[in-house]
């Protein structure tokens, strides 16, 4: 993970929301899925992950409850709420528009 990229706060939020779409997961599982889905390119630091989860819980985008991980250890599990699903749609549209704009700037010019 030494070559992995640091995540911007807004990027982390949308990745967490997408990871929770259809899943109820604890923090370690969220981070692991993001690393797996990006083939190790993006790493999620614990501090940033939990700050983001707490912020999104305060906004009502995610809800949490206690449960037990596969290891039997007690863990807080997070799930997407309906406002979180709406926010995921907004954030996804914003990021796609942003990525397309950056890509246009990075394209070689033909002048």
PDB file of N, CA and C in Angstrom:
ATOM      1  N   UNK A   1       0.813  -1.186   0.000  1.00  0.00           N
ATOM      2  CA  UNK A   1       0.000   0.000   0.000  1.00  0.00           C
ATOM      3  C   UNK A   1       0.863   1.260   0.000  1.00  0.00           C
ATOM      4  N   UNK A   2       2.167   1.106  -0.087  1.00  0.00           N
ATOM      5  CA  UNK A   2       3.038   2.269  -0.102  1.00  0.00           C
ATOM      6  C   UNK A   2       2.763   3.134  -1.325  1.00  0.00           C
ATOM      7  N   UNK A   3       2.331   2.530  -2.426  1.00  0.00           N
ATOM      8  CA  UNK A   3       2.046   3.273  -3.642  1.00  0.00           C
ATOM      9  C   UNK A   3       0.606   3.748  -3.721  1.00  0.00           C
ATOM     10  N   UNK A   4      -0.201   3.476  -2.717  1.00  0.00           N
ATOM     11  CA  UNK A   4      -1.606   3.871  -2.760  1.00  0.00           C
ATOM     12  C   UNK A   4      -1.737   5.382  -2.625  1.00  0.00           C
ATOM     13  N   UNK A   5      -2.826   5.900  -3.130  1.00  0.00           N
ATOM     14  CA  UNK A   5      -3.073   7.337  -3.137  1.00  0.00           C
ATOM     15  C   UNK A   5      -3.869   7.762  -1.914  1.00  0.00           C
ATOM     16  N   UNK A   6      -3.604   8.947  -1.426  1.00  0.00           N
ATOM     17  CA  UNK A   6      -4.388   9.521  -0.336  1.00  0.00           C
ATOM     18  C   UNK A   6      -5.749   9.928  -0.896  1.00  0.00           C
ATOM     19  N   UNK A   7      -6.772   9.798  -0.105  1.00  0.00           N
ATOM     20  CA  UNK A   7      -8.113  10.159  -0.544  1.00  0.00           C
ATOM     21  C   UNK A   7      -8.478  11.553  -0.098  1.00  0.00           C
ATOM     22  N   UNK A   8      -9.113  12.294  -0.977  1.00  0.00           N
ATOM     23  CA  UNK A   8      -9.694  13.574  -0.599  1.00  0.00           C
ATOM     24  C   UNK A   8     -10.959  13.301   0.187  1.00  0.00           C
ATOM     25  N   UNK A   9     -11.318  14.182   1.102  1.00  0.00           N
ATOM     26  CA  UNK A   9     -12.483  13.963   1.960  1.00  0.00           C
ATOM     27  C   UNK A   9     -13.747  13.693   1.142  1.00  0.00           C
ATOM     28  N   UNK A  10     -14.040  14.508   0.154  1.00  0.00           N
ATOM     29  CA  UNK A  10     -15.241  14.312  -0.655  1.00  0.00           C
ATOM     30  C   UNK A  10     -15.232  12.989  -1.401  1.00  0.00           C
ATOM     31  N   UNK A  11     -14.075  12.568  -1.820  1.00  0.00           N
ATOM     32  CA  UNK A  11     -13.955  11.288  -2.509  1.00  0.00           C
ATOM     33  C   UNK A  11     -14.272  10.154  -1.544  1.00  0.00           C
ATOM     34  N   UNK A  12     -13.748  10.233  -0.350  1.00  0.00           N
ATOM     35  CA  UNK A  12     -13.983   9.184   0.629  1.00  0.00           C
ATOM     36  C   UNK A  12     -15.464   9.052   0.944  1.00  0.00           C
ATOM     37  N   UNK A  13     -16.155  10.168   1.092  1.00  0.00           N
ATOM     38  CA  UNK A  13     -17.587  10.117   1.385  1.00  0.00           C
ATOM     39  C   UNK A  13     -18.344   9.342   0.313  1.00  0.00           C
ATOM     40  N   UNK A  14     -18.126   9.683  -0.938  1.00  0.00           N
ATOM     41  CA  UNK A  14     -18.869   9.015  -2.011  1.00  0.00           C
ATOM     42  C   UNK A  14     -18.479   7.534  -2.113  1.00  0.00           C
ATOM     43  N   UNK A  15     -17.218   7.205  -1.858  1.00  0.00           N
ATOM     44  CA  UNK A  15     -16.805   5.798  -1.901  1.00  0.00           C
ATOM     45  C   UNK A  15     -17.443   4.997  -0.764  1.00  0.00           C
ATOM     46  N   UNK A  16     -17.540   5.602   0.402  1.00  0.00           N
ATOM     47  CA  UNK A  16     -18.198   4.928   1.528  1.00  0.00           C
ATOM     48  C   UNK A  16     -19.677   4.743   1.232  1.00  0.00           C
ATOM     49  N   UNK A  17     -20.337   5.798   0.751  1.00  0.00           N
ATOM     50  CA  UNK A  17     -21.760   5.682   0.422  1.00  0.00           C
ATOM     51  C   UNK A  17     -21.995   4.570  -0.594  1.00  0.00           C
ATOM     52  N   UNK A  18     -21.173   4.524  -1.622  1.00  0.00           N
ATOM     53  CA  UNK A  18     -21.331   3.482  -2.652  1.00  0.00           C
ATOM     54  C   UNK A  18     -21.068   2.098  -2.070  1.00  0.00           C
ATOM     55  N   UNK A  19     -20.075   1.988  -1.218  1.00  0.00           N
ATOM     56  CA  UNK A  19     -19.744   0.693  -0.609  1.00  0.00           C
ATOM     57  C   UNK A  19     -20.875   0.206   0.284  1.00  0.00           C
ATOM     58  N   UNK A  20     -21.575   1.129   0.926  1.00  0.00           N
ATOM     59  CA  UNK A  20     -22.675   0.748   1.811  1.00  0.00           C
ATOM     60  C   UNK A  20     -23.991   0.506   1.064  1.00  0.00           C
ATOM     61  N   UNK A  21     -24.058   0.865  -0.212  1.00  0.00           N
ATOM     62  CA  UNK A  21     -25.290   0.653  -0.983  1.00  0.00           C
ATOM     63  C   UNK A  21     -25.565  -0.853  -1.050  1.00  0.00           C
ATOM     64  N   UNK A  22     -26.620  -1.283  -0.369  1.00  0.00           N
ATOM     65  CA  UNK A  22     -26.971  -2.701  -0.368  1.00  0.00           C
ATOM     66  C   UNK A  22     -26.220  -3.546   0.645  1.00  0.00           C
ATOM     67  N   UNK A  23     -25.367  -2.915   1.451  1.00  0.00           N
ATOM     68  CA  UNK A  23     -24.571  -3.666   2.420  1.00  0.00           C
ATOM     69  C   UNK A  23     -24.645  -3.020   3.796  1.00  0.00           C
ATOM     70  N   UNK A  24     -24.584  -3.839   4.817  1.00  0.00           N
ATOM     71  CA  UNK A  24     -24.441  -3.393   6.209  1.00  0.00           C
ATOM     72  C   UNK A  24     -23.059  -3.867   6.622  1.00  0.00           C
ATOM     73  N   UNK A  25     -22.139  -2.929   6.844  1.00  0.00           N
ATOM     74  CA  UNK A  25     -20.741  -3.292   7.057  1.00  0.00           C
ATOM     75  C   UNK A  25     -20.140  -2.543   8.241  1.00  0.00           C
ATOM     76  N   UNK A  26     -19.135  -3.152   8.860  1.00  0.00           N
ATOM     77  CA  UNK A  26     -18.360  -2.459   9.888  1.00  0.00           C
ATOM     78  C   UNK A  26     -17.202  -1.721   9.211  1.00  0.00           C
ATOM     79  N   UNK A  27     -16.568  -0.831   9.950  1.00  0.00           N
ATOM     80  CA  UNK A  27     -15.543   0.032   9.383  1.00  0.00           C
ATOM     81  C   UNK A  27     -14.431  -0.692   8.656  1.00  0.00           C
ATOM     82  N   UNK A  28     -13.883  -1.743   9.260  1.00  0.00           N
ATOM     83  CA  UNK A  28     -12.787  -2.470   8.625  1.00  0.00           C
ATOM     84  C   UNK A  28     -13.232  -3.059   7.294  1.00  0.00           C
ATOM     85  N   UNK A  29     -14.453  -3.576   7.234  1.00  0.00           N
ATOM     86  CA  UNK A  29     -14.963  -4.161   5.993  1.00  0.00           C
ATOM     87  C   UNK A  29     -15.150  -3.088   4.918  1.00  0.00           C
ATOM     88  N   UNK A  30     -15.586  -1.899   5.318  1.00  0.00           N
ATOM     89  CA  UNK A  30     -15.740  -0.800   4.359  1.00  0.00           C
ATOM     90  C   UNK A  30     -14.386  -0.463   3.749  1.00  0.00           C
ATOM     91  N   UNK A  31     -13.392  -0.268   4.599  1.00  0.00           N
ATOM     92  CA  UNK A  31     -12.046   0.069   4.121  1.00  0.00           C
ATOM     93  C   UNK A  31     -11.493  -1.031   3.230  1.00  0.00           C
ATOM     94  N   UNK A  32     -11.676  -2.284   3.626  1.00  0.00           N
ATOM     95  CA  UNK A  32     -11.164  -3.413   2.846  1.00  0.00           C
ATOM     96  C   UNK A  32     -11.810  -3.481   1.473  1.00  0.00           C
ATOM     97  N   UNK A  33     -13.110  -3.253   1.418  1.00  0.00           N
ATOM     98  CA  UNK A  33     -13.796  -3.302   0.115  1.00  0.00           C
ATOM     99  C   UNK A  33     -13.326  -2.190  -0.807  1.00  0.00           C
ATOM    100  N   UNK A  34     -13.079  -1.023  -0.265  1.00  0.00           N
ATOM    101  CA  UNK A  34     -12.579   0.071  -1.103  1.00  0.00           C
ATOM    102  C   UNK A  34     -11.202  -0.269  -1.645  1.00  0.00           C
ATOM    103  N   UNK A  35     -10.341  -0.791  -0.799  1.00  0.00           N
ATOM    104  CA  UNK A  35      -9.003  -1.200  -1.239  1.00  0.00           C
ATOM    105  C   UNK A  35      -9.118  -2.293  -2.306  1.00  0.00           C
ATOM    106  N   UNK A  36      -9.975  -3.276  -2.069  1.00  0.00           N
ATOM    107  CA  UNK A  36     -10.154  -4.368  -3.037  1.00  0.00           C
ATOM    108  C   UNK A  36     -10.699  -3.856  -4.363  1.00  0.00           C
ATOM    109  N   UNK A  37     -11.748  -3.028  -4.305  1.00  0.00           N
ATOM    110  CA  UNK A  37     -12.376  -2.534  -5.548  1.00  0.00           C
ATOM    111  C   UNK A  37     -11.425  -1.669  -6.368  1.00  0.00           C
ATOM    112  N   UNK A  38     -10.491  -0.985  -5.705  1.00  0.00           N
ATOM    113  CA  UNK A  38      -9.536  -0.135  -6.424  1.00  0.00           C
ATOM    114  C   UNK A  38      -8.220  -0.873  -6.670  1.00  0.00           C
ATOM    115  N   UNK A  39      -8.199  -2.161  -6.407  1.00  0.00           N
ATOM    116  CA  UNK A  39      -7.015  -3.006  -6.588  1.00  0.00           C
ATOM    117  C   UNK A  39      -5.795  -2.421  -5.875  1.00  0.00           C
ATOM    118  N   UNK A  40      -6.049  -1.878  -4.681  1.00  0.00           N
ATOM    119  CA  UNK A  40      -4.963  -1.376  -3.851  1.00  0.00           C
ATOM    120  C   UNK A  40      -4.482   0.019  -4.193  1.00  0.00           C
ATOM    121  N   UNK A  41      -5.093   0.661  -5.186  1.00  0.00           N
ATOM    122  CA  UNK A  41      -4.653   1.994  -5.573  1.00  0.00           C
ATOM    123  C   UNK A  41      -5.037   3.022  -4.506  1.00  0.00           C
ATOM    124  N   UNK A  42      -6.224   2.860  -3.923  1.00  0.00           N
ATOM    125  CA  UNK A  42      -6.668   3.784  -2.885  1.00  0.00           C
ATOM    126  C   UNK A  42      -6.626   3.103  -1.524  1.00  0.00           C
ATOM    127  N   UNK A  43      -6.019   3.773  -0.580  1.00  0.00           N
ATOM    128  CA  UNK A  43      -5.967   3.287   0.798  1.00  0.00           C
ATOM    129  C   UNK A  43      -6.856   4.169   1.659  1.00  0.00           C
ATOM    130  N   UNK A  44      -7.470   3.588   2.668  1.00  0.00           N
ATOM    131  CA  UNK A  44      -8.347   4.327   3.563  1.00  0.00           C
ATOM    132  C   UNK A  44      -7.734   4.307   4.955  1.00  0.00           C
ATOM    133  N   UNK A  45      -7.379   5.488   5.446  1.00  0.00           N
ATOM    134  CA  UNK A  45      -6.821   5.588   6.784  1.00  0.00           C
ATOM    135  C   UNK A  45      -7.957   5.510   7.797  1.00  0.00           C
ATOM    136  N   UNK A  46      -7.728   4.808   8.903  1.00  0.00           N
ATOM    137  CA  UNK A  46      -8.761   4.631   9.927  1.00  0.00           C
ATOM    138  C   UNK A  46      -9.346   5.955  10.402  1.00  0.00           C
ATOM    139  N   UNK A  47      -8.493   6.904  10.719  1.00  0.00           N
ATOM    140  CA  UNK A  47      -8.973   8.186  11.230  1.00  0.00           C
ATOM    141  C   UNK A  47      -9.905   8.880  10.259  1.00  0.00           C
ATOM    142  N   UNK A  48      -9.521   8.912   8.994  1.00  0.00           N
ATOM    143  CA  UNK A  48     -10.350   9.556   7.968  1.00  0.00           C
ATOM    144  C   UNK A  48     -11.654   8.793   7.773  1.00  0.00           C
ATOM    145  N   UNK A  49     -11.590   7.465   7.807  1.00  0.00           N
ATOM    146  CA  UNK A  49     -12.788   6.640   7.626  1.00  0.00           C
ATOM    147  C   UNK A  49     -13.810   6.939   8.711  1.00  0.00           C
ATOM    148  N   UNK A  50     -13.389   6.892   9.956  1.00  0.00           N
ATOM    149  CA  UNK A  50     -14.339   7.074  11.053  1.00  0.00           C
ATOM    150  C   UNK A  50     -14.817   8.523  11.173  1.00  0.00           C
ATOM    151  N   UNK A  51     -13.974   9.485  10.825  1.00  0.00           N
ATOM    152  CA  UNK A  51     -14.437  10.876  10.777  1.00  0.00           C
ATOM    153  C   UNK A  51     -15.552  11.016   9.746  1.00  0.00           C
ATOM    154  N   UNK A  52     -15.339  10.434   8.598  1.00  0.00           N
ATOM    155  CA  UNK A  52     -16.331  10.499   7.522  1.00  0.00           C
ATOM    156  C   UNK A  52     -17.622   9.796   7.930  1.00  0.00           C
ATOM    157  N   UNK A  53     -17.512   8.605   8.515  1.00  0.00           N
ATOM    158  CA  UNK A  53     -18.702   7.871   8.954  1.00  0.00           C
ATOM    159  C   UNK A  53     -19.480   8.649  10.006  1.00  0.00           C
ATOM    160  N   UNK A  54     -18.784   9.238  10.961  1.00  0.00           N
ATOM    161  CA  UNK A  54     -19.457  10.013  12.008  1.00  0.00           C
ATOM    162  C   UNK A  54     -20.137  11.252  11.429  1.00  0.00           C
ATOM    163  N   UNK A  55     -19.458  11.924  10.513  1.00  0.00           N
ATOM    164  CA  UNK A  55     -20.032  13.105   9.876  1.00  0.00           C
ATOM    165  C   UNK A  55     -21.292  12.722   9.080  1.00  0.00           C
ATOM    166  N   UNK A  56     -21.213  11.618   8.350  1.00  0.00           N
ATOM    167  CA  UNK A  56     -22.362  11.180   7.554  1.00  0.00           C
ATOM    168  C   UNK A  56     -23.502  10.691   8.443  1.00  0.00           C
ATOM    169  N   UNK A  57     -23.173  10.131   9.598  1.00  0.00           N
ATOM    170  CA  UNK A  57     -24.216   9.716  10.536  1.00  0.00           C
ATOM    171  C   UNK A  57     -24.928  10.945  11.106  1.00  0.00           C
ATOM    172  N   UNK A  58     -24.171  11.988  11.424  1.00  0.00           N
ATOM    173  CA  UNK A  58     -24.779  13.232  11.920  1.00  0.00           C
ATOM    174  C   UNK A  58     -25.704  13.860  10.875  1.00  0.00           C
ATOM    175  N   UNK A  59     -25.351  13.704   9.609  1.00  0.00           N
ATOM    176  CA  UNK A  59     -26.166  14.260   8.519  1.00  0.00           C
ATOM    177  C   UNK A  59     -27.353  13.364   8.166  1.00  0.00           C
ATOM    178  N   UNK A  60     -27.393  12.171   8.756  1.00  0.00           N
ATOM    179  CA  UNK A  60     -28.493  11.254   8.497  1.00  0.00           C
ATOM    180  C   UNK A  60     -28.319  10.407   7.254  1.00  0.00           C
ATOM    181  N   UNK A  61     -27.112  10.387   6.679  1.00  0.00           N
ATOM    182  CA  UNK A  61     -26.861   9.612   5.467  1.00  0.00           C
ATOM    183  C   UNK A  61     -26.605   8.141   5.766  1.00  0.00           C
ATOM    184  N   UNK A  62     -26.066   7.871   6.951  1.00  0.00           N
ATOM    185  CA  UNK A  62     -25.847   6.494   7.391  1.00  0.00           C
ATOM    186  C   UNK A  62     -26.397   6.346   8.805  1.00  0.00           C
ATOM    187  N   UNK A  63     -26.735   5.131   9.153  1.00  0.00           N
ATOM    188  CA  UNK A  63     -27.154   4.790  10.513  1.00  0.00           C
ATOM    189  C   UNK A  63     -26.266   3.641  10.966  1.00  0.00           C
ATOM    190  N   UNK A  64     -26.149   3.484  12.273  1.00  0.00           N
ATOM    191  CA  UNK A  64     -25.280   2.423  12.775  1.00  0.00           C
ATOM    192  C   UNK A  64     -25.919   1.709  13.953  1.00  0.00           C
ATOM    193  N   UNK A  65     -25.443   0.498  14.174  1.00  0.00           N
ATOM    194  CA  UNK A  65     -25.831  -0.278  15.347  1.00  0.00           C
ATOM    195  C   UNK A  65     -24.705  -1.258  15.645  1.00  0.00           C
ATOM    196  N   UNK A  66     -24.786  -1.832  16.819  1.00  0.00           N
ATOM    197  CA  UNK A  66     -23.742  -2.765  17.241  1.00  0.00           C
ATOM    198  C   UNK A  66     -24.092  -4.182  16.800  1.00  0.00           C
ATOM    199  N   UNK A  67     -23.057  -4.915  16.465  1.00  0.00           N
ATOM    200  CA  UNK A  67     -23.209  -6.309  16.084  1.00  0.00           C
ATOM    201  C   UNK A  67     -21.880  -7.015  16.280  1.00  0.00           C
ATOM    202  N   UNK A  68     -21.781  -8.211  15.728  1.00  0.00           N
ATOM    203  CA  UNK A  68     -20.545  -8.987  15.842  1.00  0.00           C
ATOM    204  C   UNK A  68     -19.996  -9.294  14.457  1.00  0.00           C
ATOM    205  N   UNK A  69     -18.707  -9.027  14.287  1.00  0.00           N
ATOM    206  CA  UNK A  69     -18.019  -9.334  13.039  1.00  0.00           C
ATOM    207  C   UNK A  69     -17.867 -10.848  12.911  1.00  0.00           C
ATOM    208  N   UNK A  70     -17.417 -11.284  11.748  1.00  0.00           N
ATOM    209  CA  UNK A  70     -17.194 -12.717  11.512  1.00  0.00           C
ATOM    210  C   UNK A  70     -16.239 -13.323  12.532  1.00  0.00           C
ATOM    211  N   UNK A  71     -15.356 -12.495  13.051  1.00  0.00           N
ATOM    212  CA  UNK A  71     -14.379 -12.968  14.037  1.00  0.00           C
ATOM    213  C   UNK A  71     -15.001 -13.119  15.423  1.00  0.00           C
ATOM    214  N   UNK A  72     -16.247 -12.655  15.574  1.00  0.00           N
ATOM    215  CA  UNK A  72     -16.904 -12.698  16.867  1.00  0.00           C
ATOM    216  C   UNK A  72     -16.708 -11.431  17.680  1.00  0.00           C
ATOM    217  N   UNK A  73     -15.824 -10.567  17.207  1.00  0.00           N
ATOM    218  CA  UNK A  73     -15.549  -9.321  17.914  1.00  0.00           C
ATOM    219  C   UNK A  73     -16.723  -8.351  17.720  1.00  0.00           C
ATOM    220  N   UNK A  74     -17.053  -7.649  18.769  1.00  0.00           N
ATOM    221  CA  UNK A  74     -18.122  -6.661  18.704  1.00  0.00           C
ATOM    222  C   UNK A  74     -17.679  -5.489  17.827  1.00  0.00           C
ATOM    223  N   UNK A  75     -18.572  -5.030  16.937  1.00  0.00           N
ATOM    224  CA  UNK A  75     -18.228  -3.945  16.017  1.00  0.00           C
ATOM    225  C   UNK A  75     -19.467  -3.112  15.712  1.00  0.00           C
ATOM    226  N   UNK A  76     -19.234  -1.871  15.354  1.00  0.00           N
ATOM    227  CA  UNK A  76     -20.327  -0.993  14.931  1.00  0.00           C
ATOM    228  C   UNK A  76     -20.516  -1.192  13.422  1.00  0.00           C
ATOM    229  N   UNK A  77     -21.750  -1.495  13.034  1.00  0.00           N
ATOM    230  CA  UNK A  77     -22.087  -1.716  11.634  1.00  0.00           C
ATOM    231  C   UNK A  77     -22.844  -0.503  11.105  1.00  0.00           C
ATOM    232  N   UNK A  78     -22.532  -0.142   9.873  1.00  0.00           N
ATOM    233  CA  UNK A  78     -23.136   1.021   9.235  1.00  0.00           C
ATOM    234  C   UNK A  78     -23.982   0.580   8.052  1.00  0.00           C
ATOM    235  N   UNK A  79     -25.069   1.340   7.814  1.00  0.00           N
ATOM    236  CA  UNK A  79     -25.917   1.078   6.662  1.00  0.00           C
ATOM    237  C   UNK A  79     -26.374   2.403   6.085  1.00  0.00           C
ATOM    238  N   UNK A  80     -26.675   2.400   4.817  1.00  0.00           N
ATOM    239  CA  UNK A  80     -27.138   3.594   4.123  1.00  0.00           C
ATOM    240  C   UNK A  80     -28.604   3.848   4.440  1.00  0.00           C
ATOM    241  N   UNK A  81     -28.960   5.091   4.683  1.00  0.00           N
ATOM    242  CA  UNK A  81     -30.351   5.486   4.907  1.00  0.00           C
ATOM    243  C   UNK A  81     -30.917   6.000   3.579  1.00  0.00           C
ATOM    244  N   UNK A  82     -32.208   6.270   3.551  1.00  0.00           N
ATOM    245  CA  UNK A  82     -32.808   6.824   2.324  1.00  0.00           C
ATOM    246  C   UNK A  82     -32.192   8.184   1.972  1.00  0.00           C
ATOM    247  N   UNK A  83     -31.994   9.098   2.952  1.00  0.00           N
ATOM    248  CA  UNK A  83     -31.282  10.339   2.595  1.00  0.00           C
ATOM    249  C   UNK A  83     -29.864  10.054   2.076  1.00  0.00           C
ATOM    250  N   UNK A  84     -29.232   9.016   2.587  1.00  0.00           N
ATOM    251  CA  UNK A  84     -27.909   8.632   2.110  1.00  0.00           C
ATOM    252  C   UNK A  84     -27.945   8.148   0.670  1.00  0.00           C
ATOM    253  N   UNK A  85     -29.000   7.430   0.304  1.00  0.00           N
ATOM    254  CA  UNK A  85     -29.150   6.975  -1.087  1.00  0.00           C
ATOM    255  C   UNK A  85     -29.323   8.171  -2.024  1.00  0.00           C
ATOM    256  N   UNK A  86     -30.106   9.139  -1.590  1.00  0.00           N
ATOM    257  CA  UNK A  86     -30.269  10.361  -2.401  1.00  0.00           C
ATOM    258  C   UNK A  86     -28.929  11.087  -2.531  1.00  0.00           C
ATOM    259  N   UNK A  87     -28.198  11.178  -1.416  1.00  0.00           N
ATOM    260  CA  UNK A  87     -26.898  11.850  -1.449  1.00  0.00           C
ATOM    261  C   UNK A  87     -25.922  11.099  -2.343  1.00  0.00           C
ATOM    262  N   UNK A  88     -25.971   9.782  -2.336  1.00  0.00           N
ATOM    263  CA  UNK A  88     -25.110   8.990  -3.211  1.00  0.00           C
ATOM    264  C   UNK A  88     -25.372   9.345  -4.672  1.00  0.00           C
ATOM    265  N   UNK A  89     -26.630   9.488  -5.056  1.00  0.00           N
ATOM    266  CA  UNK A  89     -26.943   9.866  -6.443  1.00  0.00           C
ATOM    267  C   UNK A  89     -26.368  11.245  -6.777  1.00  0.00           C
ATOM    268  N   UNK A  90     -26.525  12.193  -5.853  1.00  0.00           N
ATOM    269  CA  UNK A  90     -25.998  13.547  -6.062  1.00  0.00           C
ATOM    270  C   UNK A  90     -24.478  13.514  -6.168  1.00  0.00           C
ATOM    271  N   UNK A  91     -23.831  12.857  -5.215  1.00  0.00           N
ATOM    272  CA  UNK A  91     -22.362  12.802  -5.185  1.00  0.00           C
ATOM    273  C   UNK A  91     -21.806  12.086  -6.407  1.00  0.00           C
ATOM    274  N   UNK A  92     -22.464  11.011  -6.838  1.00  0.00           N
ATOM    275  CA  UNK A  92     -22.011  10.278  -8.015  1.00  0.00           C
ATOM    276  C   UNK A  92     -22.073  11.167  -9.252  1.00  0.00           C
ATOM    277  N   UNK A  93     -23.182  11.871  -9.432  1.00  0.00           N
ATOM    278  CA  UNK A  93     -23.317  12.777 -10.584  1.00  0.00           C
ATOM    279  C   UNK A  93     -22.256  13.872 -10.538  1.00  0.00           C
ATOM    280  N   UNK A  94     -22.022  14.441  -9.354  1.00  0.00           N
ATOM    281  CA  UNK A  94     -20.998  15.487  -9.211  1.00  0.00           C
ATOM    282  C   UNK A  94     -19.616  14.961  -9.552  1.00  0.00           C
ATOM    283  N   UNK A  95     -19.272  13.763  -9.045  1.00  0.00           N
ATOM    284  CA  UNK A  95     -17.943  13.213  -9.293  1.00  0.00           C
ATOM    285  C   UNK A  95     -17.747  12.832 -10.747  1.00  0.00           C
ATOM    286  N   UNK A  96     -18.774  12.311 -11.391  1.00  0.00           N
ATOM    287  CA  UNK A  96     -18.646  11.978 -12.809  1.00  0.00           C
ATOM    288  C   UNK A  96     -18.420  13.243 -13.634  1.00  0.00           C
ATOM    289  N   UNK A  97     -19.153  14.296 -13.324  1.00  0.00           N
ATOM    290  CA  UNK A  97     -18.977  15.569 -14.027  1.00  0.00           C
ATOM    291  C   UNK A  97     -17.574  16.127 -13.773  1.00  0.00           C
ATOM    292  N   UNK A  98     -17.116  16.057 -12.529  1.00  0.00           N
ATOM    293  CA  UNK A  98     -15.777  16.530 -12.169  1.00  0.00           C
ATOM    294  C   UNK A  98     -14.690  15.729 -12.900  1.00  0.00           C
ATOM    295  N   UNK A  99     -14.816  14.405 -12.871  1.00  0.00           N
ATOM    296  CA  UNK A  99     -13.811  13.540 -13.511  1.00  0.00           C
ATOM    297  C   UNK A  99     -13.753  13.783 -15.016  1.00  0.00           C
ATOM    298  N   UNK A 100     -14.905  13.953 -15.637  1.00  0.00           N
ATOM    299  CA  UNK A 100     -14.933  14.232 -17.081  1.00  0.00           C
ATOM    300  C   UNK A 100     -14.231  15.552 -17.393  1.00  0.00           C
ATOM    301  N   UNK A 101     -14.442  16.569 -16.564  1.00  0.00           N
ATOM    302  CA  UNK A 101     -13.801  17.867 -16.781  1.00  0.00           C
ATOM    303  C   UNK A 101     -12.283  17.756 -16.631  1.00  0.00           C
ATOM    304  N   UNK A 102     -11.822  17.065 -15.597  1.00  0.00           N
ATOM    305  CA  UNK A 102     -10.382  16.888 -15.397  1.00  0.00           C
ATOM    306  C   UNK A 102      -9.792  16.099 -16.555  1.00  0.00           C
ATOM    307  N   UNK A 103     -10.482  15.061 -16.985  1.00  0.00           N
ATOM    308  CA  UNK A 103      -9.998  14.244 -18.092  1.00  0.00           C
ATOM    309  C   UNK A 103      -9.854  15.083 -19.361  1.00  0.00           C
ATOM    310  N   UNK A 104     -10.809  15.985 -19.618  1.00  0.00           N
ATOM    311  CA  UNK A 104     -10.716  16.847 -20.802  1.00  0.00           C
ATOM    312  C   UNK A 104      -9.468  17.728 -20.739  1.00  0.00           C
ATOM    313  N   UNK A 105      -9.135  18.232 -19.562  1.00  0.00           N
ATOM    314  CA  UNK A 105      -7.937  19.058 -19.425  1.00  0.00           C
ATOM    315  C   UNK A 105      -6.673  18.224 -19.628  1.00  0.00           C
ATOM    316  N   UNK A 106      -6.685  16.979 -19.172  1.00  0.00           N
ATOM    317  CA  UNK A 106      -5.497  16.127 -19.268  1.00  0.00           C
ATOM    318  C   UNK A 106      -5.289  15.533 -20.652  1.00  0.00           C
ATOM    319  N   UNK A 107      -6.306  15.534 -21.471  1.00  0.00           N
ATOM    320  CA  UNK A 107      -6.195  15.005 -22.827  1.00  0.00           C
ATOM    321  C   UNK A 107      -5.161  15.805 -23.617  1.00  0.00           C
ATOM    322  N   UNK A 108      -4.373  15.116 -24.443  1.00  0.00           N
ATOM    323  CA  UNK A 108      -3.442  15.857 -25.294  1.00  0.00           C
ATOM    324  C   UNK A 108      -4.232  16.736 -26.273  1.00  0.00           C
ATOM    325  N   UNK A 109      -3.711  17.931 -26.495  1.00  0.00           N
ATOM    326  CA  UNK A 109      -4.385  18.826 -27.438  1.00  0.00           C
ATOM    327  C   UNK A 109      -3.890  18.526 -28.844  1.00  0.00           C
ATOM    328  N   UNK A 110      -4.732  18.798 -29.801  1.00  0.00           N
ATOM    329  CA  UNK A 110      -4.384  18.521 -31.196  1.00  0.00           C
ATOM    330  C   UNK A 110      -4.116  19.810 -31.970  1.00  0.00           C
ATOM    331  N   UNK A 111      -3.677  20.865 -31.286  1.00  0.00           N
ATOM    332  CA  UNK A 111      -3.438  22.120 -31.985  1.00  0.00           C
ATOM    333  C   UNK A 111      -2.050  22.192 -32.548  1.00  0.00           C
TER     334      UNK A 111
END
